[in-house]
Amino acid sequence: MNQPIPFNTGRPSDPARGDLTDVMQKVAHGDKEAFSGLYDALAPLVFGTVVKVVRDRAQSEEVAQEVMIDLWRQAARYRPEAGSVTTWAATIAHRRAVDRVRSAQAATDREYAQAAREHTTAFDEVAEQVETRLESEQVRRCMRGLTELQRQAVTLAYYQGLTYREVAEALRTPLPTIKTRMRDGLIRLRDCMGVTT
């Protein structure tokens, strides 16, 4: 029992089969020899059930081994009135196989989602950088269309954060003139950039 018995697609062997309900009761009490007979009788059925769902032979063998271990561990839970041993084993095998397929699909879905997020993030960063550069270029082009005083006033106010009064002092120009130049400059910028209010 230490080494797994290779699965084949043959029918359960009748000599080892006997009355599986009695065998299952012995397995429930820890009888390793009884489990060996149960294994021989049910391994082909379990493997056949699993491979129909999983479709990959190597994974099916792995899942079938897990099912056989479950049968050993859960033997005490078997109730003959609920159905035959073969039905119980096939049910466990089918559930395990479905779980394996779902688990594999979930892992694949997570990998695809992660790859999509990484791809989208990289794309969005590039798109954002391009958009920022285009907007910056458009602002520079529109700024060149302003008068010198308008350009200086807008630059000091919006790029250096100065107030109207500080701009007036820096340019040594009366405050009302600065306010008018900035208003006219901002209107020109808005029109140049195609911003609608």
N, C-alpha and C. Protein backbone atom coordinates (compact mmCIF):
# COMPACT_ATOMS: atom_id res chain seq x y z
N MET A 1 0.80 -1.20 0.00
CA MET A 1 0.00 0.00 0.00
C MET A 1 0.85 1.26 0.00
N ASN A 2 2.12 1.18 0.32
CA ASN A 2 2.99 2.34 0.30
C ASN A 2 3.18 2.87 -1.10
N GLN A 3 3.19 2.01 -2.09
CA GLN A 3 3.37 2.41 -3.46
C GLN A 3 2.03 2.31 -4.18
N PRO A 4 1.62 3.39 -4.90
CA PRO A 4 0.32 3.35 -5.55
C PRO A 4 0.27 2.28 -6.63
N ILE A 5 -0.89 1.65 -6.71
CA ILE A 5 -1.11 0.65 -7.76
C ILE A 5 -1.44 1.41 -9.02
N PRO A 6 -0.78 1.11 -10.13
CA PRO A 6 -1.08 1.84 -11.36
C PRO A 6 -2.53 1.62 -11.76
N PHE A 7 -3.16 2.69 -12.20
CA PHE A 7 -4.54 2.60 -12.62
C PHE A 7 -4.62 2.08 -14.03
N ASN A 8 -5.63 1.28 -14.26
CA ASN A 8 -5.91 0.87 -15.64
C ASN A 8 -7.39 1.11 -15.86
N THR A 9 -7.82 0.94 -17.07
CA THR A 9 -9.21 1.22 -17.38
C THR A 9 -10.06 -0.03 -17.38
N GLY A 10 -9.55 -1.11 -16.82
CA GLY A 10 -10.31 -2.36 -16.76
C GLY A 10 -11.45 -2.29 -15.76
N ARG A 11 -12.25 -3.31 -15.69
CA ARG A 11 -13.37 -3.37 -14.75
C ARG A 11 -12.86 -3.78 -13.37
N PRO A 12 -13.62 -3.43 -12.33
CA PRO A 12 -13.22 -3.85 -11.00
C PRO A 12 -13.07 -5.36 -10.95
N SER A 13 -12.01 -5.83 -10.27
CA SER A 13 -11.77 -7.26 -10.21
C SER A 13 -12.76 -7.93 -9.25
N ASP A 14 -13.49 -8.89 -9.74
CA ASP A 14 -14.54 -9.54 -8.96
C ASP A 14 -14.03 -10.29 -7.74
N PRO A 15 -12.88 -11.02 -7.81
CA PRO A 15 -12.45 -11.75 -6.62
C PRO A 15 -12.19 -10.81 -5.44
N ALA A 16 -11.57 -9.67 -5.68
CA ALA A 16 -11.29 -8.75 -4.59
C ALA A 16 -12.56 -8.03 -4.15
N ARG A 17 -13.54 -8.05 -5.00
CA ARG A 17 -14.76 -7.31 -4.74
C ARG A 17 -15.58 -7.94 -3.63
N GLY A 18 -15.92 -9.19 -3.75
CA GLY A 18 -16.71 -9.86 -2.72
C GLY A 18 -17.90 -9.00 -2.36
N ASP A 19 -18.20 -8.91 -1.11
CA ASP A 19 -19.24 -8.02 -0.64
C ASP A 19 -18.54 -6.76 -0.15
N LEU A 20 -18.58 -5.70 -0.96
CA LEU A 20 -17.85 -4.48 -0.64
C LEU A 20 -18.36 -3.80 0.62
N THR A 21 -19.60 -4.04 0.97
CA THR A 21 -20.12 -3.44 2.20
C THR A 21 -19.37 -4.01 3.41
N ASP A 22 -19.15 -5.32 3.41
CA ASP A 22 -18.40 -5.94 4.51
C ASP A 22 -16.94 -5.46 4.49
N VAL A 23 -16.39 -5.36 3.30
CA VAL A 23 -15.01 -4.90 3.16
C VAL A 23 -14.90 -3.47 3.70
N MET A 24 -15.89 -2.64 3.36
CA MET A 24 -15.87 -1.24 3.80
C MET A 24 -15.93 -1.16 5.33
N GLN A 25 -16.69 -2.03 5.95
CA GLN A 25 -16.77 -2.04 7.42
C GLN A 25 -15.42 -2.40 8.03
N LYS A 26 -14.72 -3.35 7.40
CA LYS A 26 -13.39 -3.72 7.89
C LYS A 26 -12.41 -2.55 7.71
N VAL A 27 -12.53 -1.85 6.56
CA VAL A 27 -11.67 -0.70 6.31
C VAL A 27 -11.94 0.37 7.36
N ALA A 28 -13.20 0.55 7.71
CA ALA A 28 -13.58 1.54 8.72
C ALA A 28 -12.91 1.25 10.06
N HIS A 29 -12.60 -0.01 10.32
CA HIS A 29 -11.94 -0.39 11.56
C HIS A 29 -10.42 -0.43 11.41
N GLY A 30 -9.90 0.08 10.28
CA GLY A 30 -8.45 0.18 10.09
C GLY A 30 -7.78 -1.04 9.50
N ASP A 31 -8.53 -1.96 8.92
CA ASP A 31 -7.97 -3.19 8.33
C ASP A 31 -7.29 -2.84 7.00
N LYS A 32 -5.96 -2.84 7.00
CA LYS A 32 -5.19 -2.48 5.81
C LYS A 32 -5.34 -3.51 4.70
N GLU A 33 -5.45 -4.76 5.06
CA GLU A 33 -5.62 -5.80 4.05
C GLU A 33 -6.97 -5.64 3.35
N ALA A 34 -7.99 -5.30 4.12
CA ALA A 34 -9.32 -5.06 3.53
C ALA A 34 -9.25 -3.86 2.58
N PHE A 35 -8.50 -2.85 2.99
CA PHE A 35 -8.37 -1.67 2.12
C PHE A 35 -7.67 -2.03 0.82
N SER A 36 -6.67 -2.91 0.90
CA SER A 36 -5.98 -3.34 -0.30
C SER A 36 -6.97 -3.98 -1.28
N GLY A 37 -7.86 -4.83 -0.76
CA GLY A 37 -8.89 -5.44 -1.61
C GLY A 37 -9.86 -4.41 -2.14
N LEU A 38 -10.24 -3.44 -1.31
CA LEU A 38 -11.14 -2.37 -1.73
C LEU A 38 -10.48 -1.54 -2.83
N TYR A 39 -9.20 -1.27 -2.63
CA TYR A 39 -8.43 -0.50 -3.61
C TYR A 39 -8.46 -1.21 -4.96
N ASP A 40 -8.14 -2.50 -4.95
CA ASP A 40 -8.13 -3.28 -6.19
C ASP A 40 -9.50 -3.28 -6.86
N ALA A 41 -10.56 -3.34 -6.04
CA ALA A 41 -11.91 -3.41 -6.59
C ALA A 41 -12.39 -2.07 -7.14
N LEU A 42 -12.00 -0.97 -6.50
CA LEU A 42 -12.57 0.33 -6.86
C LEU A 42 -11.65 1.23 -7.68
N ALA A 43 -10.35 0.98 -7.68
CA ALA A 43 -9.42 1.88 -8.38
C ALA A 43 -9.80 2.10 -9.85
N PRO A 44 -10.13 1.05 -10.61
CA PRO A 44 -10.51 1.29 -12.02
C PRO A 44 -11.77 2.16 -12.15
N LEU A 45 -12.76 1.92 -11.31
CA LEU A 45 -13.99 2.72 -11.34
C LEU A 45 -13.69 4.17 -11.00
N VAL A 46 -12.92 4.38 -9.95
CA VAL A 46 -12.57 5.74 -9.51
C VAL A 46 -11.79 6.46 -10.61
N PHE A 47 -10.78 5.80 -11.15
CA PHE A 47 -9.98 6.41 -12.20
C PHE A 47 -10.84 6.74 -13.42
N GLY A 48 -11.69 5.83 -13.83
CA GLY A 48 -12.56 6.06 -14.99
C GLY A 48 -13.47 7.25 -14.79
N THR A 49 -14.01 7.38 -13.58
CA THR A 49 -14.89 8.50 -13.27
C THR A 49 -14.11 9.82 -13.34
N VAL A 50 -12.93 9.81 -12.76
CA VAL A 50 -12.12 11.03 -12.70
C VAL A 50 -11.64 11.45 -14.09
N VAL A 51 -11.14 10.50 -14.87
CA VAL A 51 -10.57 10.85 -16.17
C VAL A 51 -11.63 11.41 -17.12
N LYS A 52 -12.89 11.01 -16.95
CA LYS A 52 -13.96 11.56 -17.79
C LYS A 52 -14.15 13.05 -17.53
N VAL A 53 -13.88 13.49 -16.31
CA VAL A 53 -14.05 14.90 -15.95
C VAL A 53 -12.77 15.70 -16.17
N VAL A 54 -11.66 15.17 -15.69
CA VAL A 54 -10.39 15.90 -15.72
C VAL A 54 -9.74 15.87 -17.10
N ARG A 55 -9.83 14.75 -17.79
CA ARG A 55 -9.34 14.52 -19.16
C ARG A 55 -7.82 14.41 -19.29
N ASP A 56 -7.09 14.80 -18.31
CA ASP A 56 -5.63 14.68 -18.33
C ASP A 56 -5.25 13.45 -17.51
N ARG A 57 -4.55 12.51 -18.13
CA ARG A 57 -4.27 11.23 -17.46
C ARG A 57 -3.44 11.40 -16.19
N ALA A 58 -2.38 12.21 -16.26
CA ALA A 58 -1.52 12.38 -15.08
C ALA A 58 -2.29 13.01 -13.92
N GLN A 59 -3.06 14.04 -14.21
CA GLN A 59 -3.86 14.67 -13.15
C GLN A 59 -4.94 13.73 -12.65
N SER A 60 -5.49 12.95 -13.56
CA SER A 60 -6.54 12.00 -13.17
C SER A 60 -5.99 10.96 -12.22
N GLU A 61 -4.77 10.49 -12.48
CA GLU A 61 -4.15 9.52 -11.58
C GLU A 61 -3.96 10.13 -10.19
N GLU A 62 -3.53 11.38 -10.17
CA GLU A 62 -3.31 12.07 -8.90
C GLU A 62 -4.62 12.22 -8.13
N VAL A 63 -5.66 12.66 -8.82
CA VAL A 63 -6.97 12.84 -8.18
C VAL A 63 -7.51 11.49 -7.71
N ALA A 64 -7.35 10.46 -8.53
CA ALA A 64 -7.84 9.13 -8.15
C ALA A 64 -7.14 8.63 -6.89
N GLN A 65 -5.84 8.89 -6.77
CA GLN A 65 -5.11 8.51 -5.55
C GLN A 65 -5.69 9.25 -4.34
N GLU A 66 -5.99 10.54 -4.52
CA GLU A 66 -6.58 11.33 -3.44
C GLU A 66 -7.93 10.75 -3.03
N VAL A 67 -8.71 10.32 -4.02
CA VAL A 67 -10.03 9.73 -3.74
C VAL A 67 -9.86 8.44 -2.94
N MET A 68 -8.90 7.61 -3.34
CA MET A 68 -8.70 6.36 -2.62
C MET A 68 -8.27 6.62 -1.17
N ILE A 69 -7.47 7.66 -0.96
CA ILE A 69 -7.09 8.04 0.41
C ILE A 69 -8.33 8.52 1.17
N ASP A 70 -9.19 9.29 0.48
CA ASP A 70 -10.45 9.72 1.11
C ASP A 70 -11.29 8.52 1.53
N LEU A 71 -11.35 7.50 0.66
CA LEU A 71 -12.15 6.32 0.99
C LEU A 71 -11.60 5.64 2.25
N TRP A 72 -10.29 5.60 2.37
CA TRP A 72 -9.66 5.03 3.56
C TRP A 72 -10.03 5.86 4.80
N ARG A 73 -9.89 7.17 4.69
CA ARG A 73 -10.13 8.04 5.83
C ARG A 73 -11.61 8.15 6.21
N GLN A 74 -12.47 8.09 5.21
CA GLN A 74 -13.89 8.30 5.45
C GLN A 74 -14.69 6.99 5.50
N ALA A 75 -14.05 5.88 5.54
CA ALA A 75 -14.74 4.58 5.52
C ALA A 75 -15.80 4.49 6.61
N ALA A 76 -15.55 5.07 7.76
CA ALA A 76 -16.52 5.00 8.86
C ALA A 76 -17.78 5.81 8.56
N ARG A 77 -17.72 6.71 7.60
CA ARG A 77 -18.88 7.53 7.26
C ARG A 77 -19.81 6.85 6.26
N TYR A 78 -19.33 5.77 5.67
CA TYR A 78 -20.16 5.06 4.68
C TYR A 78 -21.39 4.46 5.35
N ARG A 79 -22.54 4.68 4.72
CA ARG A 79 -23.81 4.12 5.19
C ARG A 79 -24.43 3.29 4.08
N PRO A 80 -24.53 1.95 4.27
CA PRO A 80 -25.07 1.07 3.22
C PRO A 80 -26.49 1.45 2.79
N GLU A 81 -27.28 1.98 3.71
CA GLU A 81 -28.66 2.35 3.35
C GLU A 81 -28.72 3.53 2.38
N ALA A 82 -27.63 4.28 2.28
CA ALA A 82 -27.60 5.43 1.37
C ALA A 82 -27.23 5.04 -0.05
N GLY A 83 -26.67 3.86 -0.24
CA GLY A 83 -26.28 3.43 -1.58
C GLY A 83 -25.12 2.45 -1.50
N SER A 84 -24.77 1.90 -2.65
CA SER A 84 -23.70 0.90 -2.69
C SER A 84 -22.34 1.57 -2.50
N VAL A 85 -21.34 0.76 -2.20
CA VAL A 85 -19.98 1.25 -2.03
C VAL A 85 -19.49 1.86 -3.34
N THR A 86 -19.79 1.22 -4.45
CA THR A 86 -19.34 1.73 -5.75
C THR A 86 -19.97 3.09 -6.05
N THR A 87 -21.23 3.25 -5.72
CA THR A 87 -21.91 4.53 -5.95
C THR A 87 -21.27 5.61 -5.08
N TRP A 88 -21.02 5.26 -3.82
CA TRP A 88 -20.40 6.20 -2.89
C TRP A 88 -19.01 6.61 -3.40
N ALA A 89 -18.23 5.63 -3.82
CA ALA A 89 -16.88 5.90 -4.33
C ALA A 89 -16.93 6.75 -5.61
N ALA A 90 -17.86 6.43 -6.49
CA ALA A 90 -17.99 7.20 -7.75
C ALA A 90 -18.41 8.64 -7.46
N THR A 91 -19.27 8.82 -6.47
CA THR A 91 -19.71 10.17 -6.10
C THR A 91 -18.54 10.99 -5.58
N ILE A 92 -17.76 10.40 -4.68
CA ILE A 92 -16.58 11.09 -4.14
C ILE A 92 -15.60 11.40 -5.28
N ALA A 93 -15.39 10.44 -6.16
CA ALA A 93 -14.47 10.64 -7.28
C ALA A 93 -14.93 11.78 -8.19
N HIS A 94 -16.20 11.79 -8.49
CA HIS A 94 -16.74 12.84 -9.36
C HIS A 94 -16.58 14.22 -8.72
N ARG A 95 -16.90 14.32 -7.44
CA ARG A 95 -16.77 15.61 -6.74
C ARG A 95 -15.33 16.09 -6.71
N ARG A 96 -14.41 15.18 -6.43
CA ARG A 96 -13.00 15.53 -6.41
C ARG A 96 -12.52 15.99 -7.78
N ALA A 97 -12.96 15.29 -8.82
CA ALA A 97 -12.57 15.64 -10.19
C ALA A 97 -13.10 17.02 -10.57
N VAL A 98 -14.35 17.28 -10.23
CA VAL A 98 -14.94 18.60 -10.53
C VAL A 98 -14.19 19.69 -9.76
N ASP A 99 -13.86 19.41 -8.50
CA ASP A 99 -13.08 20.38 -7.71
C ASP A 99 -11.74 20.68 -8.38
N ARG A 100 -11.08 19.66 -8.89
CA ARG A 100 -9.78 19.85 -9.53
C ARG A 100 -9.93 20.71 -10.78
N VAL A 101 -10.95 20.43 -11.58
CA VAL A 101 -11.16 21.21 -12.81
C VAL A 101 -11.47 22.66 -12.45
N ARG A 102 -12.33 22.87 -11.46
CA ARG A 102 -12.67 24.23 -11.05
C ARG A 102 -11.46 24.96 -10.50
N SER A 103 -10.66 24.27 -9.72
CA SER A 103 -9.46 24.87 -9.16
C SER A 103 -8.49 25.28 -10.27
N ALA A 104 -8.30 24.39 -11.23
CA ALA A 104 -7.40 24.69 -12.36
C ALA A 104 -7.94 25.86 -13.17
N GLN A 105 -9.26 25.89 -13.39
CA GLN A 105 -9.86 26.99 -14.15
C GLN A 105 -9.73 28.30 -13.40
N ALA A 106 -9.94 28.26 -12.09
CA ALA A 106 -9.82 29.48 -11.28
C ALA A 106 -8.39 30.01 -11.32
N ALA A 107 -7.41 29.11 -11.26
CA ALA A 107 -6.01 29.53 -11.33
C ALA A 107 -5.71 30.17 -12.68
N THR A 108 -6.21 29.56 -13.74
CA THR A 108 -6.02 30.11 -15.08
C THR A 108 -6.68 31.48 -15.20
N ASP A 109 -7.90 31.60 -14.68
CA ASP A 109 -8.61 32.88 -14.72
C ASP A 109 -7.85 33.97 -13.96
N ARG A 110 -7.30 33.58 -12.79
CA ARG A 110 -6.52 34.56 -12.02
C ARG A 110 -5.29 35.01 -12.80
N GLU A 111 -4.61 34.07 -13.44
CA GLU A 111 -3.42 34.43 -14.22
C GLU A 111 -3.78 35.36 -15.38
N TYR A 112 -4.86 35.05 -16.09
CA TYR A 112 -5.30 35.91 -17.19
C TYR A 112 -5.68 37.30 -16.68
N ALA A 113 -6.41 37.35 -15.56
CA ALA A 113 -6.83 38.63 -15.00
C ALA A 113 -5.62 39.46 -14.59
N GLN A 114 -4.64 38.81 -13.96
CA GLN A 114 -3.43 39.51 -13.55
C GLN A 114 -2.67 40.04 -14.76
N ALA A 115 -2.55 39.20 -15.77
CA ALA A 115 -1.85 39.63 -16.99
C ALA A 115 -2.58 40.79 -17.65
N ALA A 116 -3.91 40.72 -17.65
CA ALA A 116 -4.70 41.81 -18.24
C ALA A 116 -4.52 43.10 -17.45
N ARG A 117 -4.51 42.98 -16.11
CA ARG A 117 -4.32 44.18 -15.28
C ARG A 117 -2.94 44.78 -15.53
N GLU A 118 -1.93 43.94 -15.60
CA GLU A 118 -0.58 44.45 -15.84
C GLU A 118 -0.48 45.09 -17.21
N HIS A 119 -1.08 44.44 -18.19
CA HIS A 119 -1.04 44.98 -19.56
C HIS A 119 -1.80 46.30 -19.62
N THR A 120 -2.98 46.36 -19.03
CA THR A 120 -3.79 47.56 -19.05
C THR A 120 -3.08 48.69 -18.32
N THR A 121 -2.47 48.38 -17.18
CA THR A 121 -1.77 49.40 -16.42
C THR A 121 -0.64 49.99 -17.25
N ALA A 122 0.15 49.13 -17.86
CA ALA A 122 1.26 49.62 -18.68
C ALA A 122 0.73 50.46 -19.83
N PHE A 123 -0.34 50.02 -20.47
CA PHE A 123 -0.92 50.76 -21.58
C PHE A 123 -1.45 52.10 -21.11
N ASP A 124 -2.15 52.12 -19.99
CA ASP A 124 -2.71 53.35 -19.46
C ASP A 124 -1.62 54.35 -19.10
N GLU A 125 -0.52 53.88 -18.54
CA GLU A 125 0.57 54.78 -18.20
C GLU A 125 1.14 55.42 -19.46
N VAL A 126 1.33 54.64 -20.48
CA VAL A 126 1.85 55.17 -21.74
C VAL A 126 0.87 56.17 -22.33
N ALA A 127 -0.40 55.80 -22.36
CA ALA A 127 -1.42 56.69 -22.92
C ALA A 127 -1.48 58.00 -22.15
N GLU A 128 -1.39 57.90 -20.83
CA GLU A 128 -1.44 59.10 -19.99
C GLU A 128 -0.23 60.00 -20.25
N GLN A 129 0.95 59.39 -20.40
CA GLN A 129 2.15 60.17 -20.67
C GLN A 129 2.05 60.87 -22.02
N VAL A 130 1.55 60.16 -23.02
CA VAL A 130 1.41 60.75 -24.35
C VAL A 130 0.41 61.90 -24.30
N GLU A 131 -0.71 61.68 -23.62
CA GLU A 131 -1.74 62.72 -23.52
C GLU A 131 -1.18 63.95 -22.80
N THR A 132 -0.44 63.74 -21.74
CA THR A 132 0.15 64.86 -21.00
C THR A 132 1.13 65.62 -21.87
N ARG A 133 1.94 64.90 -22.63
CA ARG A 133 2.91 65.57 -23.51
C ARG A 133 2.19 66.37 -24.60
N LEU A 134 1.14 65.79 -25.17
CA LEU A 134 0.39 66.51 -26.20
C LEU A 134 -0.26 67.76 -25.64
N GLU A 135 -0.84 67.66 -24.44
CA GLU A 135 -1.47 68.82 -23.82
C GLU A 135 -0.42 69.88 -23.49
N SER A 136 0.74 69.45 -23.00
CA SER A 136 1.82 70.40 -22.68
C SER A 136 2.29 71.12 -23.93
N GLU A 137 2.42 70.38 -25.02
CA GLU A 137 2.83 70.99 -26.29
C GLU A 137 1.78 71.98 -26.78
N GLN A 138 0.52 71.63 -26.62
CA GLN A 138 -0.55 72.53 -27.05
C GLN A 138 -0.55 73.80 -26.19
N VAL A 139 -0.32 73.66 -24.89
CA VAL A 139 -0.27 74.83 -24.01
C VAL A 139 0.91 75.72 -24.43
N ARG A 140 2.09 75.12 -24.70
CA ARG A 140 3.25 75.92 -25.12
C ARG A 140 2.96 76.66 -26.43
N ARG A 141 2.32 75.96 -27.36
CA ARG A 141 1.99 76.59 -28.65
C ARG A 141 1.03 77.75 -28.44
N CYS A 142 0.01 77.55 -27.61
CA CYS A 142 -0.97 78.61 -27.35
C CYS A 142 -0.35 79.77 -26.58
N MET A 143 0.58 79.46 -25.67
CA MET A 143 1.25 80.52 -24.92
C MET A 143 2.06 81.42 -25.85
N ARG A 144 2.62 80.85 -26.93
CA ARG A 144 3.38 81.66 -27.88
C ARG A 144 2.49 82.65 -28.62
N GLY A 145 1.17 82.41 -28.61
CA GLY A 145 0.22 83.31 -29.28
C GLY A 145 -0.19 84.50 -28.42
N LEU A 146 0.26 84.55 -27.16
CA LEU A 146 -0.08 85.66 -26.28
C LEU A 146 0.93 86.80 -26.45
N THR A 147 0.52 87.99 -26.00
CA THR A 147 1.47 89.11 -26.00
C THR A 147 2.51 88.82 -24.91
N GLU A 148 3.62 89.56 -24.93
CA GLU A 148 4.69 89.33 -23.96
C GLU A 148 4.18 89.55 -22.53
N LEU A 149 3.43 90.63 -22.28
CA LEU A 149 2.93 90.92 -20.94
C LEU A 149 1.93 89.85 -20.49
N GLN A 150 1.04 89.40 -21.41
CA GLN A 150 0.08 88.33 -21.07
C GLN A 150 0.83 87.04 -20.70
N ARG A 151 1.82 86.69 -21.51
CA ARG A 151 2.57 85.45 -21.28
C ARG A 151 3.30 85.51 -19.94
N GLN A 152 3.95 86.66 -19.65
CA GLN A 152 4.66 86.80 -18.38
C GLN A 152 3.69 86.72 -17.19
N ALA A 153 2.56 87.39 -17.29
CA ALA A 153 1.59 87.42 -16.18
C ALA A 153 1.02 86.02 -15.94
N VAL A 154 0.62 85.32 -17.00
CA VAL A 154 0.06 83.97 -16.86
C VAL A 154 1.11 83.02 -16.30
N THR A 155 2.33 83.12 -16.79
CA THR A 155 3.40 82.23 -16.31
C THR A 155 3.66 82.45 -14.82
N LEU A 156 3.75 83.69 -14.39
CA LEU A 156 4.00 83.97 -12.97
C LEU A 156 2.82 83.51 -12.10
N ALA A 157 1.61 83.70 -12.57
CA ALA A 157 0.44 83.34 -11.76
C ALA A 157 0.21 81.83 -11.72
N TYR A 158 0.28 81.18 -12.86
CA TYR A 158 -0.10 79.76 -12.91
C TYR A 158 1.06 78.78 -12.75
N TYR A 159 2.24 79.18 -13.14
CA TYR A 159 3.36 78.25 -13.02
C TYR A 159 4.21 78.51 -11.78
N GLN A 160 4.15 79.78 -11.27
CA GLN A 160 4.93 80.08 -10.07
C GLN A 160 4.03 80.36 -8.87
N GLY A 161 2.73 80.40 -9.09
CA GLY A 161 1.79 80.52 -7.97
C GLY A 161 1.68 81.91 -7.36
N LEU A 162 2.05 82.95 -8.08
CA LEU A 162 1.96 84.30 -7.53
C LEU A 162 0.53 84.84 -7.62
N THR A 163 0.18 85.71 -6.71
CA THR A 163 -1.14 86.37 -6.74
C THR A 163 -1.09 87.50 -7.76
N TYR A 164 -2.26 88.10 -8.08
CA TYR A 164 -2.30 89.22 -9.03
C TYR A 164 -1.41 90.36 -8.54
N ARG A 165 -1.50 90.64 -7.24
CA ARG A 165 -0.70 91.73 -6.67
C ARG A 165 0.80 91.43 -6.80
N GLU A 166 1.21 90.17 -6.51
CA GLU A 166 2.62 89.80 -6.62
C GLU A 166 3.09 89.84 -8.08
N VAL A 167 2.22 89.49 -9.00
CA VAL A 167 2.57 89.57 -10.43
C VAL A 167 2.77 91.03 -10.82
N ALA A 168 1.86 91.90 -10.35
CA ALA A 168 1.96 93.33 -10.66
C ALA A 168 3.29 93.89 -10.13
N GLU A 169 3.65 93.51 -8.90
CA GLU A 169 4.91 93.98 -8.32
C GLU A 169 6.11 93.43 -9.09
N ALA A 170 6.08 92.14 -9.45
CA ALA A 170 7.20 91.53 -10.16
C ALA A 170 7.41 92.15 -11.54
N LEU A 171 6.31 92.52 -12.22
CA LEU A 171 6.42 93.09 -13.57
C LEU A 171 6.43 94.62 -13.55
N ARG A 172 6.30 95.22 -12.34
CA ARG A 172 6.28 96.68 -12.18
C ARG A 172 5.24 97.30 -13.09
N THR A 173 4.04 96.72 -12.98
CA THR A 173 2.91 97.15 -13.80
C THR A 173 1.72 97.35 -12.86
N PRO A 174 0.86 98.36 -13.15
CA PRO A 174 -0.29 98.58 -12.27
C PRO A 174 -1.19 97.33 -12.20
N LEU A 175 -1.77 97.10 -11.01
CA LEU A 175 -2.60 95.92 -10.77
C LEU A 175 -3.77 95.81 -11.74
N PRO A 176 -4.54 96.90 -12.02
CA PRO A 176 -5.65 96.77 -12.98
C PRO A 176 -5.18 96.32 -14.37
N THR A 177 -4.02 96.77 -14.78
CA THR A 177 -3.48 96.38 -16.09
C THR A 177 -3.16 94.87 -16.09
N ILE A 178 -2.56 94.39 -15.01
CA ILE A 178 -2.23 92.96 -14.89
C ILE A 178 -3.50 92.14 -14.95
N LYS A 179 -4.55 92.56 -14.21
CA LYS A 179 -5.82 91.81 -14.20
C LYS A 179 -6.42 91.75 -15.60
N THR A 180 -6.39 92.86 -16.32
CA THR A 180 -6.93 92.90 -17.68
C THR A 180 -6.11 92.00 -18.60
N ARG A 181 -4.78 92.09 -18.53
CA ARG A 181 -3.92 91.28 -19.40
C ARG A 181 -4.11 89.79 -19.12
N MET A 182 -4.23 89.46 -17.83
CA MET A 182 -4.40 88.04 -17.50
C MET A 182 -5.75 87.54 -18.00
N ARG A 183 -6.82 88.36 -17.80
CA ARG A 183 -8.14 87.94 -18.27
C ARG A 183 -8.11 87.74 -19.79
N ASP A 184 -7.55 88.70 -20.52
CA ASP A 184 -7.48 88.59 -21.98
C ASP A 184 -6.61 87.39 -22.39
N GLY A 185 -5.50 87.18 -21.68
CA GLY A 185 -4.60 86.06 -21.99
C GLY A 185 -5.28 84.72 -21.75
N LEU A 186 -6.02 84.60 -20.65
CA LEU A 186 -6.71 83.34 -20.35
C LEU A 186 -7.82 83.06 -21.37
N ILE A 187 -8.51 84.13 -21.82
CA ILE A 187 -9.54 83.94 -22.86
C ILE A 187 -8.89 83.43 -24.14
N ARG A 188 -7.74 84.02 -24.50
CA ARG A 188 -7.04 83.57 -25.70
C ARG A 188 -6.58 82.11 -25.57
N LEU A 189 -6.05 81.77 -24.41
CA LEU A 189 -5.62 80.39 -24.18
C LEU A 189 -6.80 79.43 -24.29
N ARG A 190 -7.91 79.79 -23.67
CA ARG A 190 -9.10 78.93 -23.72
C ARG A 190 -9.54 78.71 -25.16
N ASP A 191 -9.59 79.79 -25.94
CA ASP A 191 -10.01 79.66 -27.34
C ASP A 191 -9.01 78.84 -28.14
N CYS A 192 -7.72 79.05 -27.90
CA CYS A 192 -6.68 78.33 -28.64
C CYS A 192 -6.74 76.83 -28.34
N MET A 193 -7.02 76.49 -27.10
CA MET A 193 -7.05 75.08 -26.70
C MET A 193 -8.39 74.43 -26.96
N GLY A 194 -9.38 75.21 -27.39
CA GLY A 194 -10.67 74.62 -27.72
C GLY A 194 -11.50 74.25 -26.50
N VAL A 195 -11.25 74.93 -25.38
CA VAL A 195 -12.03 74.64 -24.16
C VAL A 195 -13.34 75.40 -24.24
N THR A 196 -14.43 74.66 -24.00
CA THR A 196 -15.75 75.30 -23.99
C THR A 196 -16.23 75.40 -22.56
N THR A 197 -16.96 76.45 -22.28
CA THR A 197 -17.45 76.65 -20.91
C THR A 197 -18.88 76.19 -20.78
